[in-house]
């Protein structure tokens, strides 16, 4: 064998080893791609029902929000009606009721002042120009 033939054999062996490594790498790459494809298919199979459920939940929430909005507008209307009714009642009956209460207070006050036989509940103090006069001095003045 000559030197050229030995070099040719070495190059052929080198290329055979290189092709073997490339073949092994390509086989592993194919297995990885196959596993990835299967994983993506499984995720897709599981994601589609989840997305459908999420869509249904969002639709249901939207329906509930619309109902709550309708209820809130009804409550606002009832509140404004109650406020108007309260204002009407206060303006219609407020003045006369205050007058009746004042009249009743005046009658009670007048009737309680006419009773001379009723004992004093407690000695009263009289205020004179920003100072208090004891009840005993006032009682002396009444007797005089």
N, C-alpha and C. Protein backbone atom coordinates (compact mmCIF):
# COMPACT_ATOMS: atom_id res chain seq x y z
N UNK A 1 0.83 -1.16 0.00
CA UNK A 1 0.00 0.00 0.00
C UNK A 1 0.88 1.24 0.00
N UNK A 2 0.45 2.14 -0.73
CA UNK A 2 1.23 3.36 -0.84
C UNK A 2 0.70 4.39 0.13
N UNK A 3 1.40 5.49 0.23
CA UNK A 3 1.01 6.54 1.16
C UNK A 3 -0.31 7.17 0.77
N UNK A 4 -0.61 7.30 -0.51
CA UNK A 4 -1.85 7.89 -0.98
C UNK A 4 -3.04 7.02 -0.63
N UNK A 5 -2.83 5.69 -0.73
CA UNK A 5 -3.92 4.78 -0.40
C UNK A 5 -4.21 4.82 1.09
N UNK A 6 -3.19 4.90 1.94
CA UNK A 6 -3.38 4.96 3.39
C UNK A 6 -4.11 6.27 3.74
N UNK A 7 -3.73 7.33 3.07
CA UNK A 7 -4.39 8.60 3.33
C UNK A 7 -5.85 8.54 2.91
N UNK A 8 -6.14 7.89 1.78
CA UNK A 8 -7.51 7.73 1.32
C UNK A 8 -8.34 6.91 2.29
N UNK A 9 -7.72 5.84 2.83
CA UNK A 9 -8.44 4.99 3.80
C UNK A 9 -8.71 5.80 5.07
N UNK A 10 -7.74 6.57 5.52
CA UNK A 10 -7.93 7.37 6.73
C UNK A 10 -9.04 8.42 6.53
N UNK A 11 -9.04 9.01 5.36
CA UNK A 11 -10.09 10.00 5.08
C UNK A 11 -11.45 9.31 5.03
N UNK A 12 -11.52 8.11 4.41
CA UNK A 12 -12.79 7.37 4.33
C UNK A 12 -13.27 6.98 5.72
N UNK A 13 -12.35 6.53 6.58
CA UNK A 13 -12.73 6.14 7.95
C UNK A 13 -13.21 7.39 8.71
N UNK A 14 -12.48 8.49 8.52
CA UNK A 14 -12.88 9.72 9.20
C UNK A 14 -14.28 10.14 8.77
N UNK A 15 -14.55 10.07 7.45
CA UNK A 15 -15.87 10.43 6.95
C UNK A 15 -16.93 9.45 7.44
N UNK A 16 -16.63 8.22 7.57
CA UNK A 16 -17.58 7.21 8.07
C UNK A 16 -17.94 7.51 9.53
N UNK A 17 -16.91 7.85 10.32
CA UNK A 17 -17.16 8.18 11.74
C UNK A 17 -17.99 9.47 11.83
N UNK A 18 -17.65 10.45 11.00
CA UNK A 18 -18.39 11.71 10.99
C UNK A 18 -19.85 11.51 10.59
N UNK A 19 -20.09 10.71 9.58
CA UNK A 19 -21.46 10.42 9.14
C UNK A 19 -22.20 9.65 10.22
N UNK A 20 -21.55 8.76 10.93
CA UNK A 20 -22.19 8.00 12.01
C UNK A 20 -22.64 8.96 13.12
N UNK A 21 -21.76 9.88 13.51
CA UNK A 21 -22.12 10.85 14.54
C UNK A 21 -23.29 11.73 14.08
N UNK A 22 -23.24 12.16 12.82
CA UNK A 22 -24.33 12.97 12.30
C UNK A 22 -25.65 12.18 12.25
N UNK A 23 -25.57 10.89 11.91
CA UNK A 23 -26.77 10.05 11.86
C UNK A 23 -27.36 9.91 13.27
N UNK A 24 -26.51 9.68 14.26
CA UNK A 24 -26.99 9.55 15.65
C UNK A 24 -27.62 10.88 16.09
N UNK A 25 -26.99 12.00 15.77
CA UNK A 25 -27.53 13.31 16.15
C UNK A 25 -28.87 13.56 15.47
N UNK A 26 -28.97 13.19 14.18
CA UNK A 26 -30.24 13.37 13.46
C UNK A 26 -31.35 12.49 14.04
N UNK A 27 -31.02 11.26 14.43
CA UNK A 27 -32.02 10.36 15.03
C UNK A 27 -32.52 10.95 16.35
N UNK A 28 -31.59 11.46 17.17
CA UNK A 28 -32.01 12.06 18.45
C UNK A 28 -32.83 13.33 18.22
N UNK A 29 -32.44 14.11 17.23
CA UNK A 29 -33.20 15.30 16.90
C UNK A 29 -34.61 14.95 16.44
N UNK A 30 -34.73 13.88 15.67
CA UNK A 30 -36.05 13.42 15.21
C UNK A 30 -36.90 12.98 16.40
N UNK A 31 -36.30 12.26 17.35
CA UNK A 31 -37.04 11.82 18.54
C UNK A 31 -37.51 13.05 19.36
N UNK A 32 -36.64 14.04 19.49
CA UNK A 32 -37.00 15.25 20.24
C UNK A 32 -38.14 15.99 19.55
N UNK A 33 -38.07 16.09 18.23
CA UNK A 33 -39.14 16.77 17.49
C UNK A 33 -40.46 16.01 17.60
N UNK A 34 -40.38 14.67 17.57
CA UNK A 34 -41.58 13.85 17.72
C UNK A 34 -42.21 14.06 19.11
N UNK A 35 -41.37 14.07 20.16
CA UNK A 35 -41.88 14.28 21.53
C UNK A 35 -42.47 15.69 21.67
N UNK A 36 -41.81 16.67 21.05
CA UNK A 36 -42.32 18.04 21.10
C UNK A 36 -43.66 18.16 20.40
N UNK A 37 -43.78 17.50 19.26
CA UNK A 37 -45.04 17.51 18.52
C UNK A 37 -46.16 16.89 19.35
N UNK A 38 -45.85 15.77 20.01
CA UNK A 38 -46.84 15.11 20.86
C UNK A 38 -47.24 16.02 22.03
N UNK A 39 -46.25 16.68 22.64
CA UNK A 39 -46.53 17.57 23.75
C UNK A 39 -47.40 18.74 23.33
N UNK A 40 -47.11 19.33 22.18
CA UNK A 40 -47.92 20.44 21.68
C UNK A 40 -49.34 19.97 21.39
N UNK A 41 -49.48 18.77 20.83
CA UNK A 41 -50.82 18.24 20.55
C UNK A 41 -51.60 18.02 21.85
N UNK A 42 -50.93 17.49 22.88
CA UNK A 42 -51.60 17.28 24.17
C UNK A 42 -52.01 18.61 24.81
N UNK A 43 -51.13 19.60 24.74
CA UNK A 43 -51.45 20.90 25.30
C UNK A 43 -52.63 21.51 24.54
N UNK A 44 -52.64 21.36 23.24
CA UNK A 44 -53.74 21.89 22.44
C UNK A 44 -55.04 21.19 22.81
N UNK A 45 -54.99 19.87 22.98
CA UNK A 45 -56.20 19.11 23.35
C UNK A 45 -56.74 19.57 24.71
N UNK A 46 -55.85 19.93 25.63
CA UNK A 46 -56.31 20.36 26.95
C UNK A 46 -56.66 21.84 26.98
N UNK A 47 -56.02 22.63 26.15
CA UNK A 47 -56.25 24.07 26.18
C UNK A 47 -57.58 24.46 25.55
N UNK A 48 -58.01 23.74 24.54
CA UNK A 48 -59.25 24.10 23.86
C UNK A 48 -60.45 24.02 24.80
N UNK A 49 -60.62 22.93 25.58
CA UNK A 49 -61.75 22.93 26.54
C UNK A 49 -61.61 24.00 27.62
N UNK A 50 -60.37 24.25 28.06
CA UNK A 50 -60.18 25.29 29.08
C UNK A 50 -60.56 26.66 28.54
N UNK A 51 -60.21 26.93 27.30
CA UNK A 51 -60.59 28.20 26.70
C UNK A 51 -62.10 28.30 26.52
N UNK A 52 -62.74 27.20 26.19
CA UNK A 52 -64.20 27.21 26.07
C UNK A 52 -64.85 27.49 27.43
N UNK A 53 -64.33 26.85 28.48
CA UNK A 53 -64.86 27.10 29.83
C UNK A 53 -64.63 28.55 30.25
N UNK A 54 -63.45 29.07 29.95
CA UNK A 54 -63.17 30.46 30.31
C UNK A 54 -64.09 31.42 29.55
N UNK A 55 -64.34 31.12 28.31
CA UNK A 55 -65.25 31.96 27.52
C UNK A 55 -66.66 31.93 28.11
N UNK A 56 -67.11 30.75 28.51
CA UNK A 56 -68.44 30.63 29.13
C UNK A 56 -68.50 31.40 30.45
N UNK A 57 -67.43 31.34 31.23
CA UNK A 57 -67.39 32.06 32.51
C UNK A 57 -67.44 33.57 32.27
N UNK A 58 -66.73 34.04 31.25
CA UNK A 58 -66.74 35.47 30.95
C UNK A 58 -68.13 35.91 30.49
N UNK A 59 -68.78 35.09 29.68
CA UNK A 59 -70.15 35.43 29.25
C UNK A 59 -71.10 35.48 30.44
N UNK A 60 -70.97 34.52 31.35
CA UNK A 60 -71.82 34.50 32.54
C UNK A 60 -71.56 35.72 33.41
N UNK A 61 -70.30 36.08 33.57
CA UNK A 61 -69.97 37.27 34.36
C UNK A 61 -70.54 38.52 33.72
N UNK A 62 -70.49 38.60 32.41
CA UNK A 62 -71.05 39.76 31.71
C UNK A 62 -72.55 39.85 31.95
N UNK A 63 -73.24 38.71 31.92
CA UNK A 63 -74.68 38.69 32.18
C UNK A 63 -74.98 39.17 33.60
N UNK A 64 -74.19 38.69 34.56
CA UNK A 64 -74.40 39.10 35.95
C UNK A 64 -74.12 40.59 36.14
N UNK A 65 -73.11 41.11 35.46
CA UNK A 65 -72.80 42.53 35.56
C UNK A 65 -73.95 43.37 34.99
N UNK A 66 -74.54 42.91 33.90
CA UNK A 66 -75.68 43.63 33.34
C UNK A 66 -76.86 43.62 34.30
N UNK A 67 -77.09 42.50 34.98
CA UNK A 67 -78.17 42.43 35.97
C UNK A 67 -77.91 43.38 37.14
N UNK A 68 -76.68 43.37 37.63
CA UNK A 68 -76.33 44.25 38.75
C UNK A 68 -76.47 45.71 38.33
N UNK A 69 -76.10 46.02 37.10
CA UNK A 69 -76.24 47.39 36.61
C UNK A 69 -77.71 47.81 36.58
N UNK A 70 -78.57 46.89 36.13
CA UNK A 70 -80.01 47.19 36.11
C UNK A 70 -80.54 47.39 37.53
N UNK A 71 -80.10 46.55 38.46
CA UNK A 71 -80.54 46.68 39.86
C UNK A 71 -80.05 48.00 40.44
N UNK A 72 -78.82 48.36 40.15
CA UNK A 72 -78.27 49.62 40.68
C UNK A 72 -79.03 50.82 40.14
N UNK A 73 -79.40 50.79 38.88
CA UNK A 73 -80.17 51.92 38.33
C UNK A 73 -81.56 51.98 38.96
N UNK A 74 -82.17 50.80 39.22
CA UNK A 74 -83.47 50.78 39.90
C UNK A 74 -83.36 51.34 41.32
N UNK A 75 -82.30 50.96 42.02
CA UNK A 75 -82.10 51.45 43.39
C UNK A 75 -81.89 52.96 43.37
N UNK A 76 -81.16 53.46 42.41
CA UNK A 76 -80.95 54.90 42.30
C UNK A 76 -82.28 55.62 42.07
N UNK A 77 -83.13 55.04 41.24
CA UNK A 77 -84.44 55.65 40.98
C UNK A 77 -85.30 55.65 42.23
N UNK A 78 -85.30 54.53 42.96
CA UNK A 78 -86.08 54.44 44.20
C UNK A 78 -85.55 55.44 45.22
N UNK A 79 -84.24 55.60 45.30
CA UNK A 79 -83.65 56.55 46.24
C UNK A 79 -84.06 57.98 45.90
N UNK A 80 -84.04 58.32 44.63
CA UNK A 80 -84.45 59.68 44.26
C UNK A 80 -85.94 59.88 44.53
N UNK A 81 -86.77 58.86 44.31
CA UNK A 81 -88.19 58.97 44.61
C UNK A 81 -88.43 59.13 46.11
N UNK A 82 -87.69 58.38 46.92
CA UNK A 82 -87.84 58.48 48.37
C UNK A 82 -87.39 59.85 48.86
N UNK A 83 -86.34 60.38 48.26
CA UNK A 83 -85.88 61.72 48.63
C UNK A 83 -86.93 62.76 48.29
N UNK A 84 -87.52 62.65 47.11
CA UNK A 84 -88.57 63.59 46.72
C UNK A 84 -89.78 63.48 47.65
N UNK A 85 -90.15 62.25 48.01
CA UNK A 85 -91.27 62.05 48.92
C UNK A 85 -90.97 62.63 50.29
N UNK A 86 -89.77 62.42 50.77
CA UNK A 86 -89.37 62.98 52.07
C UNK A 86 -89.42 64.49 52.06
N UNK A 87 -88.94 65.10 50.99
CA UNK A 87 -88.99 66.55 50.87
C UNK A 87 -90.42 67.05 50.85
N UNK A 88 -91.28 66.36 50.11
CA UNK A 88 -92.68 66.75 50.03
C UNK A 88 -93.37 66.64 51.39
N UNK A 89 -93.14 65.53 52.09
CA UNK A 89 -93.75 65.34 53.40
C UNK A 89 -93.24 66.38 54.38
N UNK A 90 -91.95 66.65 54.34
CA UNK A 90 -91.38 67.64 55.27
C UNK A 90 -91.94 69.03 55.00
N UNK A 91 -92.08 69.39 53.74
CA UNK A 91 -92.60 70.73 53.44
C UNK A 91 -94.10 70.83 53.71
N UNK A 92 -94.83 69.72 53.55
CA UNK A 92 -96.27 69.74 53.77
C UNK A 92 -96.63 69.71 55.24
N UNK A 93 -96.02 68.80 55.98
CA UNK A 93 -96.40 68.60 57.38
C UNK A 93 -95.42 69.21 58.37
N UNK A 94 -94.25 69.58 57.93
CA UNK A 94 -93.22 70.06 58.85
C UNK A 94 -93.63 71.32 59.58
N UNK A 95 -94.05 72.32 58.86
CA UNK A 95 -94.44 73.59 59.49
C UNK A 95 -95.60 73.43 60.45
N UNK A 96 -96.70 72.83 60.03
CA UNK A 96 -97.82 72.66 60.96
C UNK A 96 -97.47 71.80 62.18
N UNK A 97 -96.66 70.77 62.00
CA UNK A 97 -96.30 69.94 63.15
C UNK A 97 -95.46 70.72 64.15
N UNK A 98 -94.56 71.55 63.67
CA UNK A 98 -93.76 72.38 64.57
C UNK A 98 -94.67 73.34 65.32
N UNK A 99 -95.64 73.91 64.64
CA UNK A 99 -96.56 74.84 65.29
C UNK A 99 -97.39 74.13 66.35
N UNK A 100 -97.86 72.92 66.05
CA UNK A 100 -98.65 72.15 67.02
C UNK A 100 -97.79 71.80 68.22
N UNK A 101 -96.55 71.39 67.99
CA UNK A 101 -95.66 71.04 69.10
C UNK A 101 -95.37 72.27 69.95
N UNK A 102 -95.16 73.42 69.32
CA UNK A 102 -94.91 74.64 70.09
C UNK A 102 -96.14 75.04 70.89
N UNK A 103 -97.31 74.90 70.29
CA UNK A 103 -98.55 75.20 71.00
C UNK A 103 -98.72 74.29 72.20
N UNK A 104 -98.48 72.99 72.00
CA UNK A 104 -98.58 72.04 73.11
C UNK A 104 -97.60 72.36 74.22
N UNK A 105 -96.39 72.75 73.85
CA UNK A 105 -95.39 73.12 74.85
C UNK A 105 -95.85 74.36 75.62
N UNK A 106 -96.39 75.31 74.90
CA UNK A 106 -96.88 76.53 75.56
C UNK A 106 -98.02 76.24 76.52
N UNK A 107 -98.94 75.38 76.10
CA UNK A 107 -100.07 75.02 76.97
C UNK A 107 -99.56 74.31 78.21
N UNK A 108 -98.62 73.37 78.05
CA UNK A 108 -98.07 72.67 79.22
C UNK A 108 -97.37 73.64 80.15
N UNK A 109 -96.62 74.54 79.58
CA UNK A 109 -95.88 75.52 80.39
C UNK A 109 -96.86 76.42 81.15
N UNK A 110 -97.92 76.84 80.46
CA UNK A 110 -98.91 77.70 81.11
C UNK A 110 -99.64 76.95 82.21
N UNK A 111 -99.98 75.70 81.96
CA UNK A 111 -100.70 74.91 82.96
C UNK A 111 -99.81 74.61 84.16
N UNK A 112 -98.54 74.39 83.96
CA UNK A 112 -97.66 74.07 85.08
C UNK A 112 -97.37 75.32 85.91
N UNK A 113 -97.45 76.50 85.34
CA UNK A 113 -97.22 77.75 86.08
C UNK A 113 -98.40 78.11 86.95
N UNK A 114 -99.58 77.63 86.68
CA UNK A 114 -100.78 77.97 87.45
C UNK A 114 -100.95 77.11 88.69
N UNK A 115 -100.25 76.07 88.79
CA UNK A 115 -100.39 75.19 89.96
C UNK A 115 -99.56 75.75 91.12
N UNK A 116 -100.21 76.30 92.09
CA UNK A 116 -99.50 76.83 93.25
C UNK A 116 -99.27 75.75 94.30
N UNK A 117 -100.11 74.72 94.28
CA UNK A 117 -99.99 73.67 95.28
C UNK A 117 -98.90 72.66 94.94
N UNK A 118 -98.35 72.71 93.75
CA UNK A 118 -97.30 71.75 93.37
C UNK A 118 -95.99 72.17 94.00
N UNK A 119 -95.31 71.23 94.67
CA UNK A 119 -94.03 71.58 95.32
C UNK A 119 -92.94 71.76 94.26
N UNK A 120 -91.96 72.63 94.59
CA UNK A 120 -90.83 72.82 93.68
C UNK A 120 -90.01 71.55 93.65
N UNK A 121 -89.59 71.18 92.49
CA UNK A 121 -88.80 69.96 92.34
C UNK A 121 -87.40 70.15 92.90
N UNK A 122 -86.80 71.26 92.57
CA UNK A 122 -85.45 71.55 93.05
C UNK A 122 -85.30 73.06 93.05
N UNK A 123 -84.48 73.57 93.91
CA UNK A 123 -84.31 75.02 93.92
C UNK A 123 -83.69 75.47 92.60
N UNK A 124 -84.29 76.49 92.04
CA UNK A 124 -83.80 77.00 90.76
C UNK A 124 -82.82 78.12 91.01
N UNK A 125 -81.95 78.33 90.07
CA UNK A 125 -80.99 79.42 90.14
C UNK A 125 -81.36 80.43 89.08
N UNK A 126 -81.20 81.66 89.40
CA UNK A 126 -81.53 82.73 88.47
C UNK A 126 -80.22 83.31 87.94
N UNK A 127 -80.16 83.55 86.67
CA UNK A 127 -78.97 84.14 86.06
C UNK A 127 -79.19 85.63 85.95
N UNK A 128 -78.25 86.38 86.51
CA UNK A 128 -78.32 87.84 86.46
C UNK A 128 -77.02 88.34 85.88
N UNK A 129 -77.07 88.94 84.74
CA UNK A 129 -75.96 89.56 84.05
C UNK A 129 -74.71 88.69 84.12
N UNK A 130 -74.82 87.48 83.67
CA UNK A 130 -73.67 86.61 83.54
C UNK A 130 -73.22 85.94 84.81
N UNK A 131 -73.90 86.10 85.94
CA UNK A 131 -73.52 85.39 87.16
C UNK A 131 -74.75 84.72 87.74
N UNK A 132 -74.53 83.73 88.59
CA UNK A 132 -75.63 82.95 89.14
C UNK A 132 -75.93 83.43 90.56
N UNK A 133 -77.21 83.64 90.81
CA UNK A 133 -77.66 84.04 92.15
C UNK A 133 -78.18 82.79 92.84
N UNK A 134 -77.75 82.52 94.06
CA UNK A 134 -78.24 81.32 94.75
C UNK A 134 -79.76 81.36 94.95
N UNK A 135 -80.35 80.19 95.04
CA UNK A 135 -81.81 80.08 95.17
C UNK A 135 -82.30 80.68 96.47
N UNK A 136 -81.52 80.67 97.52
CA UNK A 136 -81.97 81.22 98.81
C UNK A 136 -82.17 82.72 98.71
N UNK A 137 -81.35 83.43 98.01
CA UNK A 137 -81.53 84.87 97.85
C UNK A 137 -82.78 85.16 97.03
N UNK A 138 -83.03 84.33 96.02
CA UNK A 138 -84.21 84.52 95.20
C UNK A 138 -85.47 84.29 96.02
N UNK A 139 -85.43 83.26 96.88
CA UNK A 139 -86.59 82.97 97.72
C UNK A 139 -86.85 84.14 98.68
N UNK A 140 -85.80 84.78 99.19
CA UNK A 140 -85.98 85.93 100.08
C UNK A 140 -86.62 87.08 99.33
N UNK A 141 -86.24 87.26 98.07
CA UNK A 141 -86.80 88.35 97.28
C UNK A 141 -88.27 88.11 97.03
N UNK A 142 -88.68 86.87 96.82
CA UNK A 142 -90.09 86.57 96.56
C UNK A 142 -90.94 86.90 97.79
N UNK A 143 -90.42 86.62 98.95
CA UNK A 143 -91.17 86.85 100.18
C UNK A 143 -91.32 88.35 100.45
N UNK A 144 -90.38 89.13 100.04
CA UNK A 144 -90.41 90.57 100.29
C UNK A 144 -91.39 91.28 99.47
